[in-house]
C-alpha atoms as a PDB file:
ATOM      1  CA  MET A   1    -198.629  94.938 137.453  1.00  0.00           C
ATOM      2  CA  SER A   2    -202.044  95.311 139.406  1.00  0.00           C
ATOM      3  CA  LYS A   3    -201.315  96.049 143.099  1.00  0.00           C
ATOM      4  CA  GLU A   4    -204.511  94.416 144.374  1.00  0.00           C
ATOM      5  CA  PHE A   5    -204.547  91.186 142.036  1.00  0.00           C
ATOM      6  CA  ARG A   6    -201.209  90.536 143.439  1.00  0.00           C
ATOM      7  CA  LYS A   7    -202.595  90.493 147.445  1.00  0.00           C
ATOM      8  CA  LEU A   8    -205.459  87.964 145.251  1.00  0.00           C
ATOM      9  CA  LEU A   9    -202.611  85.297 143.612  1.00  0.00           C
ATOM     10  CA  GLN A  10    -200.827  85.683 147.067  1.00  0.00           C
ATOM     11  CA  LYS A  11    -203.832  84.337 149.043  1.00  0.00           C
ATOM     12  CA  VAL A  12    -204.463  80.989 146.485  1.00  0.00           C
ATOM     13  CA  GLY A  13    -200.526  80.887 145.394  1.00  0.00           C
ATOM     14  CA  SER A  14    -198.820  80.947 149.441  1.00  0.00           C
ATOM     15  CA  GLY A  15    -198.899  76.998 149.449  1.00  0.00           C
ATOM     16  CA  ASN A  16    -200.420  74.378 151.578  1.00  0.00           C
ATOM     17  CA  HIS A  17    -199.392  75.756 155.424  1.00  0.00           C
ATOM     18  CA  THR A  18    -200.061  79.882 154.604  1.00  0.00           C
ATOM     19  CA  GLY A  19    -202.236  80.064 151.090  1.00  0.00           C
ATOM     20  CA  GLU A  20    -206.083  81.011 151.657  1.00  0.00           C
ATOM     21  CA  ASN A  21    -209.718  80.531 149.792  1.00  0.00           C
ATOM     22  CA  LEU A  22    -210.531  83.499 148.238  1.00  0.00           C
ATOM     23  CA  THR A  23    -214.056  84.625 149.616  1.00  0.00           C
ATOM     24  CA  ARG A  24    -216.753  85.286 146.959  1.00  0.00           C
ATOM     25  CA  HIS A  25    -216.048  88.857 146.348  1.00  0.00           C
ATOM     26  CA  GLU A  26    -212.703  88.370 146.317  1.00  0.00           C
ATOM     27  CA  ALA A  27    -213.084  85.105 143.128  1.00  0.00           C
ATOM     28  CA  ALA A  28    -215.257  87.314 141.917  1.00  0.00           C
ATOM     29  CA  THR A  29    -212.971  90.123 141.637  1.00  0.00           C
ATOM     30  CA  ALA A  30    -209.963  88.091 140.689  1.00  0.00           C
ATOM     31  CA  THR A  31    -212.367  86.757 137.496  1.00  0.00           C
ATOM     32  CA  LYS A  32    -213.437  90.289 136.051  1.00  0.00           C
ATOM     33  CA  MET A  33    -209.708  91.669 136.766  1.00  0.00           C
ATOM     34  CA  MET A  34    -208.265  89.057 134.410  1.00  0.00           C
ATOM     35  CA  LEU A  35    -211.200  88.978 131.733  1.00  0.00           C
ATOM     36  CA  LEU A  36    -210.610  92.573 131.556  1.00  0.00           C
ATOM     37  CA  GLY A  37    -207.097  92.308 130.617  1.00  0.00           C
ATOM     38  CA  GLU A  38    -206.671  94.531 134.333  1.00  0.00           C
ATOM     39  CA  ALA A  39    -203.990  91.728 135.803  1.00  0.00           C
ATOM     40  CA  THR A  40    -200.893  91.273 133.765  1.00  0.00           C
ATOM     41  CA  PRO A  41    -200.316  88.240 131.494  1.00  0.00           C
ATOM     42  CA  ALA A  42    -197.755  86.862 134.453  1.00  0.00           C
ATOM     43  CA  GLN A  43    -200.156  87.614 136.719  1.00  0.00           C
ATOM     44  CA  ILE A  44    -202.773  85.705 135.182  1.00  0.00           C
ATOM     45  CA  GLY A  45    -201.208  82.600 134.277  1.00  0.00           C
ATOM     46  CA  ALA A  46    -199.321  82.488 137.779  1.00  0.00           C
ATOM     47  CA  PHE A  47    -202.958  83.056 139.195  1.00  0.00           C
ATOM     48  CA  LEU A  48    -204.393  80.378 137.084  1.00  0.00           C
ATOM     49  CA  ILE A  49    -201.997  77.304 138.118  1.00  0.00           C
ATOM     50  CA  ALA A  50    -201.902  78.149 141.230  1.00  0.00           C
ATOM     51  CA  HIS A  51    -205.654  78.136 141.604  1.00  0.00           C
ATOM     52  CA  ARG A  52    -205.607  74.733 140.040  1.00  0.00           C
ATOM     53  CA  ILE A  53    -203.024  73.282 142.097  1.00  0.00           C
ATOM     54  CA  LYS A  54    -205.092  74.509 145.558  1.00  0.00           C
ATOM     55  CA  ARG A  55    -208.382  73.471 143.712  1.00  0.00           C
ATOM     56  CA  PRO A  56    -211.462  75.721 144.171  1.00  0.00           C
ATOM     57  CA  THR A  57    -214.259  75.630 146.506  1.00  0.00           C
ATOM     58  CA  GLY A  58    -218.196  76.330 146.675  1.00  0.00           C
ATOM     59  CA  GLU A  59    -217.756  79.826 147.720  1.00  0.00           C
ATOM     60  CA  GLU A  60    -215.284  80.598 144.559  1.00  0.00           C
ATOM     61  CA  LEU A  61    -217.141  79.221 142.221  1.00  0.00           C
ATOM     62  CA  SER A  62    -219.850  81.192 143.157  1.00  0.00           C
ATOM     63  CA  GLY A  63    -217.810  84.315 142.805  1.00  0.00           C
ATOM     64  CA  MET A  64    -216.430  83.394 139.471  1.00  0.00           C
ATOM     65  CA  LEU A  65    -219.809  83.089 138.317  1.00  0.00           C
ATOM     66  CA  ASP A  66    -220.521  86.244 139.774  1.00  0.00           C
ATOM     67  CA  ALA A  67    -218.535  87.865 137.669  1.00  0.00           C
ATOM     68  CA  TYR A  68    -220.071  85.558 134.402  1.00  0.00           C
ATOM     69  CA  ALA A  69    -223.295  87.051 135.698  1.00  0.00           C
ATOM     70  CA  GLU A  70    -222.137  90.604 135.543  1.00  0.00           C
ATOM     71  CA  LEU A  71    -219.800  90.479 132.412  1.00  0.00           C
ATOM     72  CA  GLY A  72    -221.356  87.784 129.958  1.00  0.00           C
ATOM     73  CA  PRO A  73    -224.444  87.438 128.242  1.00  0.00           C
ATOM     74  CA  GLU A  74    -227.666  85.663 129.236  1.00  0.00           C
ATOM     75  CA  LEU A  75    -230.817  84.822 127.149  1.00  0.00           C
ATOM     76  CA  GLN A  76    -233.975  85.696 128.482  1.00  0.00           C
ATOM     77  CA  PRO A  77    -236.982  84.114 130.021  1.00  0.00           C
ATOM     78  CA  ILE A  78    -239.199  82.349 127.600  1.00  0.00           C
ATOM     79  CA  SER A  79    -242.950  81.528 128.239  1.00  0.00           C
ATOM     80  CA  SER A  80    -242.716  77.736 129.404  1.00  0.00           C
ATOM     81  CA  SER A  81    -244.970  75.682 131.814  1.00  0.00           C
ATOM     82  CA  ARG A  82    -240.866  73.863 133.246  1.00  0.00           C
ATOM     83  CA  PRO A  83    -237.809  74.772 134.342  1.00  0.00           C
ATOM     84  CA  VAL A  84    -235.804  75.291 130.965  1.00  0.00           C
ATOM     85  CA  ILE A  85    -232.944  72.959 131.300  1.00  0.00           C
ATOM     86  CA  VAL A  86    -229.196  74.304 130.913  1.00  0.00           C
ATOM     87  CA  LEU A  87    -226.840  71.599 129.926  1.00  0.00           C
ATOM     88  CA  GLY A  88    -222.945  72.166 131.330  1.00  0.00           C
ATOM     89  CA  ILE A  89    -220.554  70.442 128.932  1.00  0.00           C
ATOM     90  CA  PRO A  90    -216.997  70.238 129.236  1.00  0.00           C
ATOM     91  CA  TYR A  91    -215.500  73.056 126.936  1.00  0.00           C
ATOM     92  CA  ASP A  92    -212.341  71.110 125.211  1.00  0.00           C
ATOM     93  CA  GLY A  93    -214.938  69.148 123.792  1.00  0.00           C
ATOM     94  CA  ARG A  94    -215.281  64.796 123.234  1.00  0.00           C
ATOM     95  CA  THR A  95    -212.398  62.892 121.886  1.00  0.00           C
ATOM     96  CA  ARG A  96    -213.417  59.034 122.682  1.00  0.00           C
ATOM     97  CA  THR A  97    -216.856  59.063 122.994  1.00  0.00           C
ATOM     98  CA  ALA A  98    -219.834  59.637 120.201  1.00  0.00           C
ATOM     99  CA  PRO A  99    -221.854  62.819 121.605  1.00  0.00           C
ATOM    100  CA  ILE A 100    -225.748  62.244 121.998  1.00  0.00           C
ATOM    101  CA  SER A 101    -226.691  65.579 123.606  1.00  0.00           C
ATOM    102  CA  PRO A 102    -227.559  67.230 120.580  1.00  0.00           C
ATOM    103  CA  VAL A 103    -230.142  64.571 119.997  1.00  0.00           C
ATOM    104  CA  THR A 104    -231.252  64.578 123.400  1.00  0.00           C
ATOM    105  CA  ALA A 105    -231.757  68.431 123.011  1.00  0.00           C
ATOM    106  CA  LEU A 106    -233.993  67.872 119.650  1.00  0.00           C
ATOM    107  CA  LEU A 107    -235.827  65.109 121.251  1.00  0.00           C
ATOM    108  CA  LEU A 108    -236.490  66.718 124.885  1.00  0.00           C
ATOM    109  CA  ALA A 109    -237.704  70.226 122.576  1.00  0.00           C
ATOM    110  CA  SER A 110    -240.438  67.639 120.750  1.00  0.00           C
ATOM    111  CA  CYS A 111    -241.811  67.349 123.694  1.00  0.00           C
ATOM    112  CA  GLY A 112    -242.125  70.956 124.742  1.00  0.00           C
ATOM    113  CA  GLN A 113    -238.549  70.236 127.116  1.00  0.00           C
ATOM    114  CA  PRO A 114    -237.005  73.862 126.450  1.00  0.00           C
ATOM    115  CA  LEU A 115    -233.237  73.772 126.362  1.00  0.00           C
ATOM    116  CA  VAL A 116    -229.900  76.125 126.810  1.00  0.00           C
ATOM    117  CA  MET A 117    -226.023  75.016 125.563  1.00  0.00           C
ATOM    118  CA  HIS A 118    -223.375  77.227 125.432  1.00  0.00           C
ATOM    119  CA  GLY A 119    -219.899  76.027 124.842  1.00  0.00           C
ATOM    120  CA  GLY A 120    -216.876  77.110 121.827  1.00  0.00           C
ATOM    121  CA  ASP A 121    -214.657  75.394 119.105  1.00  0.00           C
ATOM    122  CA  ARG A 122    -212.016  72.971 118.855  1.00  0.00           C
ATOM    123  CA  LEU A 123    -210.559  74.034 122.410  1.00  0.00           C
ATOM    124  CA  PRO A 124    -207.338  73.721 124.648  1.00  0.00           C
ATOM    125  CA  THR A 125    -206.561  71.573 126.440  1.00  0.00           C
ATOM    126  CA  LYS A 126    -208.076  68.349 124.549  1.00  0.00           C
ATOM    127  CA  TYR A 127    -209.204  69.974 121.683  1.00  0.00           C
ATOM    128  CA  GLY A 128    -211.795  67.426 121.031  1.00  0.00           C
ATOM    129  CA  LEU A 129    -215.024  67.256 119.008  1.00  0.00           C
ATOM    130  CA  PRO A 130    -217.124  70.594 120.052  1.00  0.00           C
ATOM    131  CA  LEU A 131    -221.371  70.725 119.825  1.00  0.00           C
ATOM    132  CA  VAL A 132    -221.413  73.117 118.052  1.00  0.00           C
ATOM    133  CA  GLU A 133    -219.588  71.046 115.343  1.00  0.00           C
ATOM    134  CA  ILE A 134    -221.918  68.320 115.132  1.00  0.00           C
ATOM    135  CA  TRP A 135    -224.707  71.601 115.072  1.00  0.00           C
ATOM    136  CA  GLN A 136    -223.297  72.425 112.089  1.00  0.00           C
ATOM    137  CA  GLY A 137    -223.526  69.038 110.484  1.00  0.00           C
ATOM    138  CA  LEU A 138    -226.667  68.679 111.027  1.00  0.00           C
ATOM    139  CA  GLY A 139    -227.617  72.215 109.495  1.00  0.00           C
ATOM    140  CA  VAL A 140    -227.402  74.330 112.217  1.00  0.00           C
ATOM    141  CA  ASP A 141    -225.116  76.937 112.568  1.00  0.00           C
ATOM    142  CA  TRP A 142    -224.930  79.083 115.904  1.00  0.00           C
ATOM    143  CA  THR A 143    -221.609  80.847 115.354  1.00  0.00           C
ATOM    144  CA  GLN A 144    -223.082  83.187 112.951  1.00  0.00           C
ATOM    145  CA  LEU A 145    -225.964  84.120 115.224  1.00  0.00           C
ATOM    146  CA  SER A 146    -226.137  87.494 117.566  1.00  0.00           C
ATOM    147  CA  LEU A 147    -227.308  86.721 121.122  1.00  0.00           C
ATOM    148  CA  GLU A 148    -230.748  88.953 119.948  1.00  0.00           C
ATOM    149  CA  LYS A 149    -231.122  85.856 116.801  1.00  0.00           C
ATOM    150  CA  THR A 150    -230.145  83.101 118.755  1.00  0.00           C
ATOM    151  CA  GLN A 151    -232.751  84.717 121.509  1.00  0.00           C
ATOM    152  CA  SER A 152    -235.382  84.247 118.774  1.00  0.00           C
ATOM    153  CA  VAL A 153    -234.736  80.759 117.984  1.00  0.00           C
ATOM    154  CA  PHE A 154    -234.812  79.884 121.208  1.00  0.00           C
ATOM    155  CA  GLU A 155    -237.930  81.646 121.556  1.00  0.00           C
ATOM    156  CA  LYS A 156    -239.517  80.417 119.041  1.00  0.00           C
ATOM    157  CA  THR A 157    -238.010  76.350 118.762  1.00  0.00           C
ATOM    158  CA  GLY A 158    -237.167  75.836 122.741  1.00  0.00           C
ATOM    159  CA  ILE A 159    -233.322  75.816 121.747  1.00  0.00           C
ATOM    160  CA  GLY A 160    -230.976  77.451 122.309  1.00  0.00           C
ATOM    161  CA  PHE A 161    -226.797  78.040 122.140  1.00  0.00           C
ATOM    162  CA  VAL A 162    -224.796  80.422 123.623  1.00  0.00           C
ATOM    163  CA  TYR A 163    -221.913  80.387 121.649  1.00  0.00           C
ATOM    164  CA  GLN A 164    -218.986  81.747 123.520  1.00  0.00           C
ATOM    165  CA  PRO A 165    -216.506  83.127 121.447  1.00  0.00           C
ATOM    166  CA  ARG A 166    -218.935  85.710 119.552  1.00  0.00           C
ATOM    167  CA  HIS A 167    -221.366  86.165 123.144  1.00  0.00           C
ATOM    168  CA  PHE A 168    -218.534  86.957 125.356  1.00  0.00           C
ATOM    169  CA  PRO A 169    -215.621  87.514 123.438  1.00  0.00           C
ATOM    170  CA  LEU A 170    -213.903  88.879 127.093  1.00  0.00           C
ATOM    171  CA  THR A 171    -213.441  85.130 127.632  1.00  0.00           C
ATOM    172  CA  ASN A 172    -211.298  84.422 124.399  1.00  0.00           C
ATOM    173  CA  SER A 173    -207.783  85.710 125.619  1.00  0.00           C
ATOM    174  CA  ILE A 174    -207.936  82.863 128.991  1.00  0.00           C
ATOM    175  CA  TRP A 175    -207.684  80.081 125.966  1.00  0.00           C
ATOM    176  CA  GLU A 176    -204.946  81.381 125.358  1.00  0.00           C
ATOM    177  CA  TYR A 177    -203.298  80.881 128.638  1.00  0.00           C
ATOM    178  CA  ARG A 178    -205.464  77.396 128.831  1.00  0.00           C
ATOM    179  CA  ASP A 179    -203.086  76.421 126.131  1.00  0.00           C
ATOM    180  CA  GLN A 180    -199.840  77.630 127.208  1.00  0.00           C
ATOM    181  CA  LEU A 181    -200.542  76.151 130.749  1.00  0.00           C
ATOM    182  CA  GLY A 182    -201.322  72.911 129.428  1.00  0.00           C
ATOM    183  CA  LYS A 183    -204.176  72.466 132.155  1.00  0.00           C
ATOM    184  CA  ARG A 184    -207.740  73.672 132.878  1.00  0.00           C
ATOM    185  CA  PRO A 185    -207.842  76.026 135.453  1.00  0.00           C
ATOM    186  CA  PRO A 186    -210.813  76.337 138.125  1.00  0.00           C
ATOM    187  CA  PHE A 187    -212.647  78.075 134.755  1.00  0.00           C
ATOM    188  CA  ALA A 188    -213.455  74.611 133.311  1.00  0.00           C
ATOM    189  CA  THR A 189    -214.831  73.263 136.097  1.00  0.00           C
ATOM    190  CA  MET A 190    -217.248  76.854 136.773  1.00  0.00           C
ATOM    191  CA  GLU A 191    -218.268  76.760 132.916  1.00  0.00           C
ATOM    192  CA  LEU A 192    -219.878  73.203 133.605  1.00  0.00           C
ATOM    193  CA  ILE A 193    -222.207  75.321 136.179  1.00  0.00           C
ATOM    194  CA  TRP A 194    -222.736  78.296 134.177  1.00  0.00           C
ATOM    195  CA  CYS A 195    -226.156  79.396 133.664  1.00  0.00           C
ATOM    196  CA  PRO A 196    -226.805  82.133 130.426  1.00  0.00           C
ATOM    197  CA  TYR A 197    -230.388  82.154 130.958  1.00  0.00           C
ATOM    198  CA  SER A 198    -232.221  84.055 133.571  1.00  0.00           C
ATOM    199  CA  GLY A 199    -235.148  82.627 133.832  1.00  0.00           C
ATOM    200  CA  ASP A 200    -236.087  79.696 135.998  1.00  0.00           C
ATOM    201  CA  VAL A 201    -233.875  77.315 135.648  1.00  0.00           C
ATOM    202  CA  HIS A 202    -233.160  73.189 135.740  1.00  0.00           C
ATOM    203  CA  VAL A 203    -228.628  73.307 135.774  1.00  0.00           C
ATOM    204  CA  ILE A 204    -227.505  69.920 134.522  1.00  0.00           C
ATOM    205  CA  SER A 205    -223.503  69.279 134.700  1.00  0.00           C
ATOM    206  CA  GLY A 206    -221.634  66.864 133.839  1.00  0.00           C
ATOM    207  CA  PHE A 207    -218.756  65.934 135.681  1.00  0.00           C
ATOM    208  CA  VAL A 208    -215.503  63.267 136.421  1.00  0.00           C
ATOM    209  CA  HIS A 209    -214.706  63.572 140.263  1.00  0.00           C
ATOM    210  CA  PRO A 210    -217.145  63.174 143.198  1.00  0.00           C
ATOM    211  CA  PRO A 211    -215.392  66.389 145.382  1.00  0.00           C
ATOM    212  CA  THR A 212    -216.777  68.576 142.259  1.00  0.00           C
ATOM    213  CA  GLU A 213    -220.372  67.327 142.632  1.00  0.00           C
ATOM    214  CA  MET A 214    -220.317  69.607 146.666  1.00  0.00           C
ATOM    215  CA  MET A 215    -218.619  72.042 145.221  1.00  0.00           C
ATOM    216  CA  PHE A 216    -221.617  72.394 142.460  1.00  0.00           C
ATOM    217  CA  GLN A 217    -223.808  72.078 145.551  1.00  0.00           C
ATOM    218  CA  GLU A 218    -222.360  74.889 147.535  1.00  0.00           C
ATOM    219  CA  ALA A 219    -222.256  77.273 144.287  1.00  0.00           C
ATOM    220  CA  HIS A 220    -225.770  76.510 143.700  1.00  0.00           C
ATOM    221  CA  SER A 221    -226.704  77.211 147.024  1.00  0.00           C
ATOM    222  CA  LEU A 222    -225.226  80.181 147.483  1.00  0.00           C
ATOM    223  CA  ARG A 223    -226.542  81.539 144.141  1.00  0.00           C
ATOM    224  CA  GLY A 224    -230.286  80.529 145.059  1.00  0.00           C
ATOM    225  CA  VAL A 225    -230.148  77.967 141.997  1.00  0.00           C
ATOM    226  CA  THR A 226    -232.974  75.810 143.281  1.00  0.00           C
ATOM    227  CA  LYS A 227    -232.691  73.172 141.256  1.00  0.00           C
ATOM    228  CA  PHE A 228    -229.948  71.056 139.960  1.00  0.00           C
ATOM    229  CA  THR A 229    -228.573  67.325 138.321  1.00  0.00           C
ATOM    230  CA  THR A 230    -224.921  66.481 138.423  1.00  0.00           C
ATOM    231  CA  VAL A 231    -224.550  63.281 136.309  1.00  0.00           C
ATOM    232  CA  LYS A 232    -220.847  61.598 136.122  1.00  0.00           C
ATOM    233  CA  GLY A 233    -221.048  61.209 132.156  1.00  0.00           C
ATOM    234  CA  LEU A 234    -218.731  60.218 129.519  1.00  0.00           C
ATOM    235  CA  GLU A 235    -215.703  62.221 129.563  1.00  0.00           C
ATOM    236  CA  GLY A 236    -217.024  64.688 132.113  1.00  0.00           C
ATOM    237  CA  SER A 237    -220.174  65.266 130.000  1.00  0.00           C
ATOM    238  CA  CYS A 238    -224.188  65.052 130.760  1.00  0.00           C
ATOM    239  CA  ASP A 239    -224.345  61.926 128.411  1.00  0.00           C
ATOM    240  CA  LEU A 240    -224.803  58.622 130.145  1.00  0.00           C
ATOM    241  CA  PRO A 241    -222.763  55.947 129.886  1.00  0.00           C
ATOM    242  CA  ARG A 242    -223.516  52.459 128.956  1.00  0.00           C
ATOM    243  CA  ASP A 243    -220.577  50.380 129.887  1.00  0.00           C
ATOM    244  CA  ARG A 244    -221.127  50.830 134.243  1.00  0.00           C
ATOM    245  CA  THR A 245    -223.972  52.423 136.592  1.00  0.00           C
ATOM    246  CA  ALA A 246    -224.946  56.240 135.260  1.00  0.00           C
ATOM    247  CA  ILE A 247    -224.475  58.228 139.300  1.00  0.00           C
ATOM    248  CA  ILE A 248    -226.524  60.787 139.123  1.00  0.00           C
ATOM    249  CA  GLY A 249    -227.209  63.344 142.092  1.00  0.00           C
ATOM    250  CA  LEU A 250    -230.251  65.303 142.030  1.00  0.00           C
ATOM    251  CA  GLY A 251    -230.037  68.326 144.205  1.00  0.00           C
ATOM    252  CA  LEU A 252    -231.716  71.019 145.898  1.00  0.00           C
ATOM    253  CA  PRO A 253    -229.153  73.307 147.551  1.00  0.00           C
ATOM    254  CA  SER A 254    -230.698  73.324 151.279  1.00  0.00           C
ATOM    255  CA  LYS A 255    -231.463  69.439 151.516  1.00  0.00           C
ATOM    256  CA  PRO A 256    -228.847  66.502 151.093  1.00  0.00           C
ATOM    257  CA  MET A 257    -227.799  65.622 147.559  1.00  0.00           C
ATOM    258  CA  GLU A 258    -230.033  62.024 146.908  1.00  0.00           C
ATOM    259  CA  ARG A 259    -228.621  59.649 145.120  1.00  0.00           C
ATOM    260  CA  LEU A 260    -229.921  58.319 141.466  1.00  0.00           C
ATOM    261  CA  LEU A 261    -228.284  55.202 140.413  1.00  0.00           C
ATOM    262  CA  LEU A 262    -229.224  53.693 136.740  1.00  0.00           C
ATOM    263  CA  VAL A 263    -228.217  50.127 135.369  1.00  0.00           C
ATOM    264  CA  PRO A 264    -228.458  49.657 131.422  1.00  0.00           C
ATOM    265  CA  ARG A 265    -228.584  46.629 131.235  1.00  0.00           C
ATOM    266  CA  GLU A 266    -231.757  46.758 133.817  1.00  0.00           C
ATOM    267  CA  TYR A 267    -233.613  47.951 130.682  1.00  0.00           C
ATOM    268  CA  GLY A 268    -231.960  46.215 128.065  1.00  0.00           C
ATOM    269  CA  PHE A 269    -229.428  48.144 127.221  1.00  0.00           C
ATOM    270  CA  THR A 270    -226.225  46.430 126.176  1.00  0.00           C
ATOM    271  CA  SER A 271    -222.897  47.713 128.196  1.00  0.00           C
ATOM    272  CA  ASN A 272    -221.290  49.268 125.331  1.00  0.00           C
ATOM    273  CA  ASN A 273    -220.195  53.134 124.269  1.00  0.00           C
ATOM    274  CA  VAL A 274    -220.286  54.353 121.038  1.00  0.00           C
ATOM    275  CA  GLY A 275    -216.621  54.560 119.868  1.00  0.00           C
ATOM    276  CA  LEU A 276    -215.865  58.411 118.090  1.00  0.00           C
ATOM    277  CA  GLY A 277    -214.439  57.856 115.110  1.00  0.00           C
ATOM    278  CA  THR A 278    -214.544  60.726 112.497  1.00  0.00           C
ATOM    279  CA  LYS A 279    -216.726  63.902 112.815  1.00  0.00           C
ATOM    280  CA  GLU A 280    -218.515  62.475 108.966  1.00  0.00           C
ATOM    281  CA  GLU A 281    -219.032  59.220 110.381  1.00  0.00           C
ATOM    282  CA  LEU A 282    -221.099  60.793 113.495  1.00  0.00           C
ATOM    283  CA  LEU A 283    -223.459  62.926 111.380  1.00  0.00           C
ATOM    284  CA  THR A 284    -224.127  59.808 109.284  1.00  0.00           C
ATOM    285  CA  GLY A 285    -225.232  57.883 112.264  1.00  0.00           C
ATOM    286  CA  ILE A 286    -227.254  60.834 114.094  1.00  0.00           C
ATOM    287  CA  GLN A 287    -228.614  61.246 110.494  1.00  0.00           C
ATOM    288  CA  SER A 288    -229.696  57.590 110.247  1.00  0.00           C
ATOM    289  CA  LEU A 289    -230.814  57.514 114.089  1.00  0.00           C
ATOM    290  CA  LEU A 290    -232.993  60.735 113.600  1.00  0.00           C
ATOM    291  CA  GLY A 291    -234.154  58.406 110.655  1.00  0.00           C
ATOM    292  CA  GLY A 292    -235.715  55.659 112.820  1.00  0.00           C
ATOM    293  CA  GLU A 293    -232.598  52.824 112.244  1.00  0.00           C
ATOM    294  CA  PRO A 294    -231.954  50.732 114.558  1.00  0.00           C
ATOM    295  CA  SER A 295    -228.149  50.907 115.356  1.00  0.00           C
ATOM    296  CA  GLU A 296    -225.860  51.605 118.521  1.00  0.00           C
ATOM    297  CA  LEU A 297    -226.050  55.071 118.211  1.00  0.00           C
ATOM    298  CA  MET A 298    -229.687  54.839 118.829  1.00  0.00           C
ATOM    299  CA  GLN A 299    -229.772  52.636 121.637  1.00  0.00           C
ATOM    300  CA  THR A 300    -227.388  55.512 123.191  1.00  0.00           C
ATOM    301  CA  ALA A 301    -229.672  57.535 121.935  1.00  0.00           C
ATOM    302  CA  LEU A 302    -233.055  56.364 123.464  1.00  0.00           C
ATOM    303  CA  TRP A 303    -230.826  55.218 127.310  1.00  0.00           C
ATOM    304  CA  ASN A 304    -230.055  59.359 127.259  1.00  0.00           C
ATOM    305  CA  GLY A 305    -233.561  60.371 126.026  1.00  0.00           C
ATOM    306  CA  GLY A 306    -235.104  57.995 128.175  1.00  0.00           C
ATOM    307  CA  PHE A 307    -233.217  59.404 131.148  1.00  0.00           C
ATOM    308  CA  TYR A 308    -233.945  63.649 130.582  1.00  0.00           C
ATOM    309  CA  LEU A 309    -237.428  62.570 129.873  1.00  0.00           C
ATOM    310  CA  PHE A 310    -237.853  61.108 133.029  1.00  0.00           C
ATOM    311  CA  CYS A 311    -235.080  63.899 134.388  1.00  0.00           C
ATOM    312  CA  SER A 312    -237.247  66.731 133.456  1.00  0.00           C
ATOM    313  CA  GLY A 313    -241.281  65.143 134.561  1.00  0.00           C
ATOM    314  CA  ILE A 314    -242.380  64.322 131.137  1.00  0.00           C
ATOM    315  CA  CYS A 315    -242.314  60.406 132.132  1.00  0.00           C
ATOM    316  CA  SER A 316    -243.129  59.683 135.828  1.00  0.00           C
ATOM    317  CA  ASP A 317    -240.780  56.292 135.384  1.00  0.00           C
ATOM    318  CA  MET A 318    -237.712  55.338 133.324  1.00  0.00           C
ATOM    319  CA  GLN A 319    -239.268  52.779 131.218  1.00  0.00           C
ATOM    320  CA  GLU A 320    -241.867  54.789 130.130  1.00  0.00           C
ATOM    321  CA  ALA A 321    -239.417  57.443 129.262  1.00  0.00           C
ATOM    322  CA  ILE A 322    -237.585  54.821 126.951  1.00  0.00           C
ATOM    323  CA  THR A 323    -240.318  53.643 125.453  1.00  0.00           C
ATOM    324  CA  LYS A 324    -241.743  57.601 124.833  1.00  0.00           C
ATOM    325  CA  ALA A 325    -238.107  58.400 123.552  1.00  0.00           C
ATOM    326  CA  GLN A 326    -238.274  55.233 120.820  1.00  0.00           C
ATOM    327  CA  GLU A 327    -241.899  56.732 120.079  1.00  0.00           C
ATOM    328  CA  LEU A 328    -240.063  60.496 119.140  1.00  0.00           C
ATOM    329  CA  LEU A 329    -237.352  59.020 117.313  1.00  0.00           C
ATOM    330  CA  THR A 330    -239.084  56.534 114.904  1.00  0.00           C
ATOM    331  CA  SER A 331    -242.458  59.016 114.285  1.00  0.00           C
ATOM    332  CA  GLY A 332    -239.909  61.477 112.706  1.00  0.00           C
ATOM    333  CA  ALA A 333    -240.964  63.923 115.641  1.00  0.00           C
ATOM    334  CA  VAL A 334    -237.268  65.075 116.557  1.00  0.00           C
ATOM    335  CA  ALA A 335    -236.275  64.887 113.274  1.00  0.00           C
ATOM    336  CA  LYS A 336    -239.058  67.133 112.742  1.00  0.00           C
ATOM    337  CA  LYS A 337    -237.897  69.964 115.100  1.00  0.00           C
ATOM    338  CA  LEU A 338    -234.332  69.616 113.345  1.00  0.00           C
ATOM    339  CA  GLU A 339    -236.151  71.110 110.561  1.00  0.00           C
ATOM    340  CA  GLU A 340    -237.809  73.076 111.814  1.00  0.00           C
ATOM    341  CA  ILE A 341    -234.631  74.418 113.688  1.00  0.00           C
ATOM    342  CA  CYS A 342    -233.037  75.053 110.459  1.00  0.00           C
ATOM    343  CA  GLN A 343    -235.655  77.201 108.651  1.00  0.00           C
ATOM    344  CA  VAL A 344    -235.879  79.276 112.032  1.00  0.00           C
ATOM    345  CA  VAL A 345    -231.848  79.575 111.907  1.00  0.00           C
ATOM    346  CA  ILE A 346    -231.679  80.631 108.158  1.00  0.00           C
ATOM    347  CA  SER A 347    -234.993  82.937 108.232  1.00  0.00           C
END
């Protein structure tokens, strides 16, 4: 048993009246001790569930991110006139709505906006469809690439994917605890703003609960992240919904977060999210839209592609951005970017 970890566990697990938040340094220490196996299994399980019940603070998230920065992988800076976008999406995947973010990534990269994604396999607690399986179905298998090869693909194509099971294996044991506990611990919140890129960055994170935004803002401020965006997206992802107003936070740590509300029908979109059927059906739909064929999934791609072209500064307003997204998809430019990545990955 680690006596040092026991003290940290006592702080977060002592209840409403006597419990305390961890300092940034303490949160970093606790995270490292769990990842390195210096705490016992009983201590780790107790900490994860106690921390979930207490709820993390922005300062604690910043400490957890410090530990990830010290122990984990980072893609190195590339030459780019724009900050690299890092998308933070729940690692346990999607079960209800069709993911569109791989198409969004291809669309952005096709016009010079580099982007990094990160994640793993089918993971607890949802065991939903993960991004790596969609990429595999499109011909890009990020799971087999070393970090060095991923860096090369990123430099050549503008898209990189940090595959946590291979590139950050210290985290693998934590997933066993998540499965046994049956609940997402604060690690799941922290992963949404983890940034495995060391250069100029724009962190875009999905979220579900409004208080999460404030935690993100505090953590970013403490860690010196100067550009970030939050999206109340589908199933906590960065995919904009079509069945409701898209709620977006535009933030700089030194200023109050600005709110952007986007109503799909004001831009000609119907209020229908595309449901997630089988993986094969999704991949067929993606291949069709990459070929320029109209569909409900194409409408989702235009809604999201338009927003991200606007958000990244490539287009000056949403209507211009939606038109640009349609041109990129129907002209074959996005499909060509996918072919380029496929070739670079196998070369």
